[in-house]
PDB file of N, CA and C in Angstrom:
ATOM      1  N   MET A   1      10.509 -19.826 -43.234  1.00  0.00           N
ATOM      2  CA  MET A   1      10.635 -20.644 -42.054  1.00  0.00           C
ATOM      3  C   MET A   1      11.929 -21.452 -42.177  1.00  0.00           C
ATOM      4  N   ASN A   2      12.780 -21.355 -41.155  1.00  0.00           N
ATOM      5  CA  ASN A   2      14.014 -22.138 -41.205  1.00  0.00           C
ATOM      6  C   ASN A   2      13.780 -23.531 -40.617  1.00  0.00           C
ATOM      7  N   SER A   3      14.785 -24.385 -40.666  1.00  0.00           N
ATOM      8  CA  SER A   3      14.614 -25.777 -40.248  1.00  0.00           C
ATOM      9  C   SER A   3      14.266 -25.894 -38.764  1.00  0.00           C
ATOM     10  N   ARG A   4      14.849 -25.043 -37.938  1.00  0.00           N
ATOM     11  CA  ARG A   4      14.541 -25.082 -36.499  1.00  0.00           C
ATOM     12  C   ARG A   4      13.089 -24.692 -36.258  1.00  0.00           C
ATOM     13  N   GLU A   5      12.645 -23.626 -36.886  1.00  0.00           N
ATOM     14  CA  GLU A   5      11.257 -23.190 -36.739  1.00  0.00           C
ATOM     15  C   GLU A   5      10.294 -24.264 -37.243  1.00  0.00           C
ATOM     16  N   ARG A   6      10.664 -24.925 -38.329  1.00  0.00           N
ATOM     17  CA  ARG A   6       9.837 -25.991 -38.903  1.00  0.00           C
ATOM     18  C   ARG A   6       9.674 -27.133 -37.905  1.00  0.00           C
ATOM     19  N   LEU A   7      10.766 -27.539 -37.273  1.00  0.00           N
ATOM     20  CA  LEU A   7      10.720 -28.628 -36.308  1.00  0.00           C
ATOM     21  C   LEU A   7       9.909 -28.234 -35.075  1.00  0.00           C
ATOM     22  N   LEU A   8      10.130 -27.046 -34.556  1.00  0.00           N
ATOM     23  CA  LEU A   8       9.380 -26.595 -33.385  1.00  0.00           C
ATOM     24  C   LEU A   8       7.892 -26.458 -33.688  1.00  0.00           C
ATOM     25  N   THR A   9       7.565 -26.025 -34.890  1.00  0.00           N
ATOM     26  CA  THR A   9       6.167 -25.934 -35.307  1.00  0.00           C
ATOM     27  C   THR A   9       5.533 -27.315 -35.332  1.00  0.00           C
ATOM     28  N   THR A  10       6.258 -28.284 -35.840  1.00  0.00           N
ATOM     29  CA  THR A  10       5.761 -29.664 -35.880  1.00  0.00           C
ATOM     30  C   THR A  10       5.553 -30.198 -34.472  1.00  0.00           C
ATOM     31  N   PHE A  11       6.497 -29.952 -33.567  1.00  0.00           N
ATOM     32  CA  PHE A  11       6.362 -30.414 -32.184  1.00  0.00           C
ATOM     33  C   PHE A  11       5.171 -29.762 -31.487  1.00  0.00           C
ATOM     34  N   ALA A  12       4.790 -28.572 -31.936  1.00  0.00           N
ATOM     35  CA  ALA A  12       3.634 -27.875 -31.362  1.00  0.00           C
ATOM     36  C   ALA A  12       2.323 -28.332 -32.003  1.00  0.00           C
ATOM     37  N   HIS A  13       2.392 -29.386 -32.815  1.00  0.00           N
ATOM     38  CA  HIS A  13       1.217 -29.945 -33.503  1.00  0.00           C
ATOM     39  C   HIS A  13       0.552 -28.928 -34.427  1.00  0.00           C
ATOM     40  N   LYS A  14       1.373 -28.094 -35.053  1.00  0.00           N
ATOM     41  CA  LYS A  14       0.897 -27.138 -36.049  1.00  0.00           C
ATOM     42  C   LYS A  14       1.500 -27.518 -37.393  1.00  0.00           C
ATOM     43  N   GLN A  15       0.942 -26.986 -38.444  1.00  0.00           N
ATOM     44  CA  GLN A  15       1.413 -27.345 -39.780  1.00  0.00           C
ATOM     45  C   GLN A  15       2.532 -26.406 -40.233  1.00  0.00           C
ATOM     46  N   PRO A  16       3.719 -26.953 -40.535  1.00  0.00           N
ATOM     47  CA  PRO A  16       4.818 -26.127 -41.042  1.00  0.00           C
ATOM     48  C   PRO A  16       4.605 -25.787 -42.511  1.00  0.00           C
ATOM     49  N   ASP A  17       5.474 -24.941 -43.040  1.00  0.00           N
ATOM     50  CA  ASP A  17       5.360 -24.562 -44.449  1.00  0.00           C
ATOM     51  C   ASP A  17       5.625 -25.738 -45.381  1.00  0.00           C
ATOM     52  N   ARG A  18       6.450 -26.685 -44.922  1.00  0.00           N
ATOM     53  CA  ARG A  18       6.699 -27.922 -45.667  1.00  0.00           C
ATOM     54  C   ARG A  18       7.217 -28.959 -44.682  1.00  0.00           C
ATOM     55  N   CYS A  19       7.227 -30.204 -45.085  1.00  0.00           N
ATOM     56  CA  CYS A  19       7.675 -31.285 -44.210  1.00  0.00           C
ATOM     57  C   CYS A  19       9.188 -31.286 -44.078  1.00  0.00           C
ATOM     58  N   ALA A  20       9.645 -31.550 -42.875  1.00  0.00           N
ATOM     59  CA  ALA A  20      11.077 -31.757 -42.665  1.00  0.00           C
ATOM     60  C   ALA A  20      11.445 -33.093 -43.297  1.00  0.00           C
ATOM     61  N   THR A  21      12.515 -33.120 -44.038  1.00  0.00           N
ATOM     62  CA  THR A  21      12.895 -34.350 -44.724  1.00  0.00           C
ATOM     63  C   THR A  21      14.036 -35.078 -44.036  1.00  0.00           C
ATOM     64  N   TYR A  22      14.686 -34.420 -43.084  1.00  0.00           N
ATOM     65  CA  TYR A  22      15.824 -35.036 -42.419  1.00  0.00           C
ATOM     66  C   TYR A  22      15.967 -34.433 -41.033  1.00  0.00           C
ATOM     67  N   ILE A  23      16.270 -35.272 -40.074  1.00  0.00           N
ATOM     68  CA  ILE A  23      16.548 -34.786 -38.719  1.00  0.00           C
ATOM     69  C   ILE A  23      17.770 -35.542 -38.203  1.00  0.00           C
ATOM     70  N   TRP A  24      18.730 -34.829 -37.646  1.00  0.00           N
ATOM     71  CA  TRP A  24      19.908 -35.458 -37.076  1.00  0.00           C
ATOM     72  C   TRP A  24      19.901 -35.187 -35.587  1.00  0.00           C
ATOM     73  N   ILE A  25      19.787 -36.252 -34.804  1.00  0.00           N
ATOM     74  CA  ILE A  25      19.882 -36.142 -33.355  1.00  0.00           C
ATOM     75  C   ILE A  25      20.622 -37.370 -32.839  1.00  0.00           C
ATOM     76  N   ASN A  26      21.219 -37.246 -31.654  1.00  0.00           N
ATOM     77  CA  ASN A  26      21.966 -38.381 -31.107  1.00  0.00           C
ATOM     78  C   ASN A  26      21.007 -39.450 -30.578  1.00  0.00           C
ATOM     79  N   ASP A  27      21.544 -40.612 -30.255  1.00  0.00           N
ATOM     80  CA  ASP A  27      20.722 -41.753 -29.853  1.00  0.00           C
ATOM     81  C   ASP A  27      19.901 -41.479 -28.594  1.00  0.00           C
ATOM     82  N   ASP A  28      20.497 -40.815 -27.612  1.00  0.00           N
ATOM     83  CA  ASP A  28      19.783 -40.518 -26.372  1.00  0.00           C
ATOM     84  C   ASP A  28      18.569 -39.626 -26.638  1.00  0.00           C
ATOM     85  N   THR A  29      18.768 -38.600 -27.443  1.00  0.00           N
ATOM     86  CA  THR A  29      17.671 -37.699 -27.779  1.00  0.00           C
ATOM     87  C   THR A  29      16.598 -38.420 -28.576  1.00  0.00           C
ATOM     88  N   MET A  30      16.999 -39.278 -29.500  1.00  0.00           N
ATOM     89  CA  MET A  30      16.026 -40.044 -30.280  1.00  0.00           C
ATOM     90  C   MET A  30      15.212 -40.959 -29.371  1.00  0.00           C
ATOM     91  N   ASP A  31      15.868 -41.612 -28.414  1.00  0.00           N
ATOM     92  CA  ASP A  31      15.152 -42.480 -27.477  1.00  0.00           C
ATOM     93  C   ASP A  31      14.122 -41.693 -26.673  1.00  0.00           C
ATOM     94  N   ARG A  32      14.503 -40.505 -26.208  1.00  0.00           N
ATOM     95  CA  ARG A  32      13.563 -39.677 -25.450  1.00  0.00           C
ATOM     96  C   ARG A  32      12.413 -39.194 -26.322  1.00  0.00           C
ATOM     97  N   LEU A  33      12.697 -38.875 -27.582  1.00  0.00           N
ATOM     98  CA  LEU A  33      11.656 -38.433 -28.503  1.00  0.00           C
ATOM     99  C   LEU A  33      10.671 -39.561 -28.795  1.00  0.00           C
ATOM    100  N   VAL A  34      11.186 -40.761 -29.016  1.00  0.00           N
ATOM    101  CA  VAL A  34      10.329 -41.931 -29.258  1.00  0.00           C
ATOM    102  C   VAL A  34       9.424 -42.166 -28.046  1.00  0.00           C
ATOM    103  N   LYS A  35       9.998 -42.079 -26.845  1.00  0.00           N
ATOM    104  CA  LYS A  35       9.208 -42.266 -25.625  1.00  0.00           C
ATOM    105  C   LYS A  35       8.154 -41.164 -25.490  1.00  0.00           C
ATOM    106  N   TYR A  36       8.540 -39.921 -25.735  1.00  0.00           N
ATOM    107  CA  TYR A  36       7.616 -38.789 -25.625  1.00  0.00           C
ATOM    108  C   TYR A  36       6.450 -38.925 -26.600  1.00  0.00           C
ATOM    109  N   LEU A  37       6.746 -39.353 -27.822  1.00  0.00           N
ATOM    110  CA  LEU A  37       5.705 -39.482 -28.843  1.00  0.00           C
ATOM    111  C   LEU A  37       4.872 -40.752 -28.667  1.00  0.00           C
ATOM    112  N   GLY A  38       5.359 -41.684 -27.849  1.00  0.00           N
ATOM    113  CA  GLY A  38       4.618 -42.909 -27.591  1.00  0.00           C
ATOM    114  C   GLY A  38       4.581 -43.865 -28.767  1.00  0.00           C
ATOM    115  N   VAL A  39       5.662 -43.889 -29.535  1.00  0.00           N
ATOM    116  CA  VAL A  39       5.750 -44.804 -30.673  1.00  0.00           C
ATOM    117  C   VAL A  39       6.712 -45.932 -30.325  1.00  0.00           C
ATOM    118  N   SER A  40       6.670 -47.013 -31.100  1.00  0.00           N
ATOM    119  CA  SER A  40       7.483 -48.180 -30.769  1.00  0.00           C
ATOM    120  C   SER A  40       8.934 -48.065 -31.232  1.00  0.00           C
ATOM    121  N   SER A  41       9.185 -47.278 -32.265  1.00  0.00           N
ATOM    122  CA  SER A  41      10.556 -47.105 -32.747  1.00  0.00           C
ATOM    123  C   SER A  41      10.657 -45.802 -33.526  1.00  0.00           C
ATOM    124  N   ALA A  42      11.887 -45.452 -33.890  1.00  0.00           N
ATOM    125  CA  ALA A  42      12.116 -44.218 -34.632  1.00  0.00           C
ATOM    126  C   ALA A  42      11.750 -44.357 -36.104  1.00  0.00           C
ATOM    127  N   GLU A  43      11.532 -45.568 -36.569  1.00  0.00           N
ATOM    128  CA  GLU A  43      11.240 -45.781 -37.985  1.00  0.00           C
ATOM    129  C   GLU A  43       9.814 -45.729 -38.237  1.00  0.00           C
TER     130      GLU A  43
END
């Protein structure tokens, strides 16, 4: 499983082969992800 497949698997609420340890996305994308996940911050 490559890093892209791992991330997409996680977004599909399925268990990947291992945890992603790093994600690089720009601020706008991070803000949208935080809103989508319904969490208070990215940390």
